[in-house]
Amino acid sequence: MLDAIRNYFSPFAVLKDATRGSFAEKTAAYRYNCHMRGCLPTYISRWLWSFAGASVLVGFFDAMTPYESAALNVFVVIAAAFAVFAAMAVCAICLLSYAYASLAFAAARLHDPGPRS
């Protein structure tokens, strides 16, 4: 189950590692990643929807928190957990967007037509 969730949110099962191997292997992996960059908007949208859902849940659980009580309760902890997930989603969105932009720029330099539909 955890592998399915990881594969749903992470493009690392689709893209290849371009930091290991000989120069020819690195170049081939980089060209492959440039060609497969079309999958990244799907992962970005998944993270955007997750961010939106987490933000709604942060607001919901924050509204359920009694503000007159100084004691820590479960709603504060749940709201904080969803806020951490929302922050992680923002980081993932920025990272994947940067990866998509850099691969698109590199593909334009390589005159790669991109993924075929």
C-alpha atoms as a PDB file:
ATOM      1  CA  MET A   1       0.000   0.000   0.000  1.00  0.00           C
ATOM      2  CA  LEU A   2       2.815   2.417   0.836  1.00  0.00           C
ATOM      3  CA  ASP A   3       4.521   1.661  -2.484  1.00  0.00           C
ATOM      4  CA  ALA A   4       1.308   2.503  -4.328  1.00  0.00           C
ATOM      5  CA  ILE A   5       1.054   5.832  -2.503  1.00  0.00           C
ATOM      6  CA  ARG A   6       4.731   6.601  -3.171  1.00  0.00           C
ATOM      7  CA  ASN A   7       4.335   5.796  -6.874  1.00  0.00           C
ATOM      8  CA  TYR A   8       1.185   7.937  -7.043  1.00  0.00           C
ATOM      9  CA  PHE A   9       2.980  11.041  -5.735  1.00  0.00           C
ATOM     10  CA  SER A  10       6.557  10.479  -6.937  1.00  0.00           C
ATOM     11  CA  PRO A  11       7.758  10.475 -10.562  1.00  0.00           C
ATOM     12  CA  PHE A  12      10.945   8.601  -9.661  1.00  0.00           C
ATOM     13  CA  ALA A  13       9.494   5.322 -10.921  1.00  0.00           C
ATOM     14  CA  VAL A  14       9.090   6.903 -14.371  1.00  0.00           C
ATOM     15  CA  LEU A  15      12.265   8.994 -14.623  1.00  0.00           C
ATOM     16  CA  LYS A  16      15.812   7.654 -14.584  1.00  0.00           C
ATOM     17  CA  ASP A  17      18.732   8.634 -12.352  1.00  0.00           C
ATOM     18  CA  ALA A  18      21.066  10.795 -14.447  1.00  0.00           C
ATOM     19  CA  THR A  19      23.741  11.095 -11.773  1.00  0.00           C
ATOM     20  CA  ARG A  20      25.166   7.569 -11.866  1.00  0.00           C
ATOM     21  CA  GLY A  21      27.031   5.559 -14.441  1.00  0.00           C
ATOM     22  CA  SER A  22      29.370   6.434 -17.255  1.00  0.00           C
ATOM     23  CA  PHE A  23      29.092   9.636 -19.255  1.00  0.00           C
ATOM     24  CA  ALA A  24      27.152   7.847 -21.996  1.00  0.00           C
ATOM     25  CA  GLU A  25      24.728   6.340 -19.470  1.00  0.00           C
ATOM     26  CA  LYS A  26      24.185   9.731 -17.815  1.00  0.00           C
ATOM     27  CA  THR A  27      23.550  11.356 -21.192  1.00  0.00           C
ATOM     28  CA  ALA A  28      21.107   8.627 -22.187  1.00  0.00           C
ATOM     29  CA  ALA A  29      19.248   8.934 -18.891  1.00  0.00           C
ATOM     30  CA  TYR A  30      19.093  12.730 -19.238  1.00  0.00           C
ATOM     31  CA  ARG A  31      17.714  12.483 -22.783  1.00  0.00           C
ATOM     32  CA  TYR A  32      15.186   9.916 -21.572  1.00  0.00           C
ATOM     33  CA  ASN A  33      14.095  12.257 -18.768  1.00  0.00           C
ATOM     34  CA  CYS A  34      13.754  15.118 -21.260  1.00  0.00           C
ATOM     35  CA  HIS A  35      11.567  12.907 -23.407  1.00  0.00           C
ATOM     36  CA  MET A  36       9.444  11.721 -20.441  1.00  0.00           C
ATOM     37  CA  ARG A  37       8.930  15.199 -18.920  1.00  0.00           C
ATOM     38  CA  GLY A  38       5.288  15.093 -20.023  1.00  0.00           C
ATOM     39  CA  CYS A  39       4.386  12.995 -16.972  1.00  0.00           C
ATOM     40  CA  LEU A  40       5.420  15.750 -14.542  1.00  0.00           C
ATOM     41  CA  PRO A  41       2.292  17.948 -14.891  1.00  0.00           C
ATOM     42  CA  THR A  42       0.234  14.966 -13.718  1.00  0.00           C
ATOM     43  CA  TYR A  43       2.309  14.703 -10.541  1.00  0.00           C
ATOM     44  CA  ILE A  44       2.174  18.479 -10.065  1.00  0.00           C
ATOM     45  CA  SER A  45      -1.626  18.428 -10.272  1.00  0.00           C
ATOM     46  CA  ARG A  46      -1.793  15.563  -7.766  1.00  0.00           C
ATOM     47  CA  TRP A  47       0.268  17.606  -5.329  1.00  0.00           C
ATOM     48  CA  LEU A  48      -1.865  20.699  -6.006  1.00  0.00           C
ATOM     49  CA  TRP A  49      -5.040  18.780  -5.171  1.00  0.00           C
ATOM     50  CA  SER A  50      -3.373  17.365  -2.060  1.00  0.00           C
ATOM     51  CA  PHE A  51      -2.343  20.870  -1.006  1.00  0.00           C
ATOM     52  CA  ALA A  52      -5.887  22.135  -1.512  1.00  0.00           C
ATOM     53  CA  GLY A  53      -7.355  19.273   0.509  1.00  0.00           C
ATOM     54  CA  ALA A  54      -4.824  19.684   3.301  1.00  0.00           C
ATOM     55  CA  SER A  55      -5.487  23.426   3.443  1.00  0.00           C
ATOM     56  CA  VAL A  56      -9.220  22.836   3.773  1.00  0.00           C
ATOM     57  CA  LEU A  57      -8.629  20.290   6.532  1.00  0.00           C
ATOM     58  CA  VAL A  58      -6.274  22.666   8.356  1.00  0.00           C
ATOM     59  CA  GLY A  59      -9.013  25.293   8.355  1.00  0.00           C
ATOM     60  CA  PHE A  60     -11.628  22.767   9.469  1.00  0.00           C
ATOM     61  CA  PHE A  61      -9.637  21.401  12.402  1.00  0.00           C
ATOM     62  CA  ASP A  62      -8.391  24.849  13.358  1.00  0.00           C
ATOM     63  CA  ALA A  63     -12.006  26.046  13.552  1.00  0.00           C
ATOM     64  CA  MET A  64     -12.825  23.140  15.890  1.00  0.00           C
ATOM     65  CA  THR A  65     -10.097  24.194  18.333  1.00  0.00           C
ATOM     66  CA  PRO A  66     -11.377  25.865  21.496  1.00  0.00           C
ATOM     67  CA  TYR A  67      -9.315  29.059  21.728  1.00  0.00           C
ATOM     68  CA  GLU A  68     -10.183  29.838  25.343  1.00  0.00           C
ATOM     69  CA  SER A  69      -8.377  26.676  26.514  1.00  0.00           C
ATOM     70  CA  ALA A  70      -4.614  26.843  26.940  1.00  0.00           C
ATOM     71  CA  ALA A  71      -4.293  23.042  26.983  1.00  0.00           C
ATOM     72  CA  LEU A  72      -3.140  21.162  23.905  1.00  0.00           C
ATOM     73  CA  ASN A  73      -5.958  19.164  22.365  1.00  0.00           C
ATOM     74  CA  VAL A  74      -6.270  16.698  19.522  1.00  0.00           C
ATOM     75  CA  PHE A  75      -7.648  19.225  17.018  1.00  0.00           C
ATOM     76  CA  VAL A  76      -4.521  21.371  17.276  1.00  0.00           C
ATOM     77  CA  VAL A  77      -2.323  18.351  16.637  1.00  0.00           C
ATOM     78  CA  ILE A  78      -4.404  17.227  13.648  1.00  0.00           C
ATOM     79  CA  ALA A  79      -4.418  20.748  12.185  1.00  0.00           C
ATOM     80  CA  ALA A  80      -0.640  20.937  12.621  1.00  0.00           C
ATOM     81  CA  ALA A  81      -0.179  17.564  10.912  1.00  0.00           C
ATOM     82  CA  PHE A  82      -2.197  18.698   7.908  1.00  0.00           C
ATOM     83  CA  ALA A  83      -0.275  22.004   7.865  1.00  0.00           C
ATOM     84  CA  VAL A  84       3.007  20.080   7.697  1.00  0.00           C
ATOM     85  CA  PHE A  85       1.616  18.012   4.811  1.00  0.00           C
ATOM     86  CA  ALA A  86       0.497  21.210   3.054  1.00  0.00           C
ATOM     87  CA  ALA A  87       3.998  22.665   3.437  1.00  0.00           C
ATOM     88  CA  MET A  88       5.472  19.455   2.041  1.00  0.00           C
ATOM     89  CA  ALA A  89       3.068  19.693  -0.905  1.00  0.00           C
ATOM     90  CA  VAL A  90       4.224  23.245  -1.649  1.00  0.00           C
ATOM     91  CA  CYS A  91       7.836  22.053  -1.661  1.00  0.00           C
ATOM     92  CA  ALA A  92       6.964  19.158  -3.990  1.00  0.00           C
ATOM     93  CA  ILE A  93       5.071  21.486  -6.341  1.00  0.00           C
ATOM     94  CA  CYS A  94       8.041  23.870  -6.521  1.00  0.00           C
ATOM     95  CA  LEU A  95      10.540  21.063  -7.047  1.00  0.00           C
ATOM     96  CA  LEU A  96       8.497  19.294  -9.739  1.00  0.00           C
ATOM     97  CA  SER A  97       7.746  22.586 -11.503  1.00  0.00           C
ATOM     98  CA  TYR A  98      11.443  23.432 -11.566  1.00  0.00           C
ATOM     99  CA  ALA A  99      12.282  19.947 -12.877  1.00  0.00           C
ATOM    100  CA  TYR A 100       9.672  20.256 -15.613  1.00  0.00           C
ATOM    101  CA  ALA A 101      10.890  23.715 -16.644  1.00  0.00           C
ATOM    102  CA  SER A 102      14.552  22.684 -16.713  1.00  0.00           C
ATOM    103  CA  LEU A 103      13.820  19.507 -18.682  1.00  0.00           C
ATOM    104  CA  ALA A 104      11.667  21.458 -21.137  1.00  0.00           C
ATOM    105  CA  PHE A 105      14.465  23.997 -21.592  1.00  0.00           C
ATOM    106  CA  ALA A 106      17.006  21.227 -22.118  1.00  0.00           C
ATOM    107  CA  ALA A 107      14.716  19.464 -24.579  1.00  0.00           C
ATOM    108  CA  ALA A 108      14.363  22.682 -26.558  1.00  0.00           C
ATOM    109  CA  ARG A 109      18.151  22.956 -26.686  1.00  0.00           C
ATOM    110  CA  LEU A 110      18.380  19.324 -27.820  1.00  0.00           C
ATOM    111  CA  HIS A 111      15.628  19.868 -30.402  1.00  0.00           C
ATOM    112  CA  ASP A 112      13.623  17.047 -28.863  1.00  0.00           C
ATOM    113  CA  PRO A 113       9.995  17.136 -30.039  1.00  0.00           C
ATOM    114  CA  GLY A 114       8.831  15.744 -26.695  1.00  0.00           C
ATOM    115  CA  PRO A 115       6.478  12.922 -25.819  1.00  0.00           C
ATOM    116  CA  ARG A 116       4.296  11.586 -28.558  1.00  0.00           C
ATOM    117  CA  SER A 117       0.591  11.382 -27.898  1.00  0.00           C
END
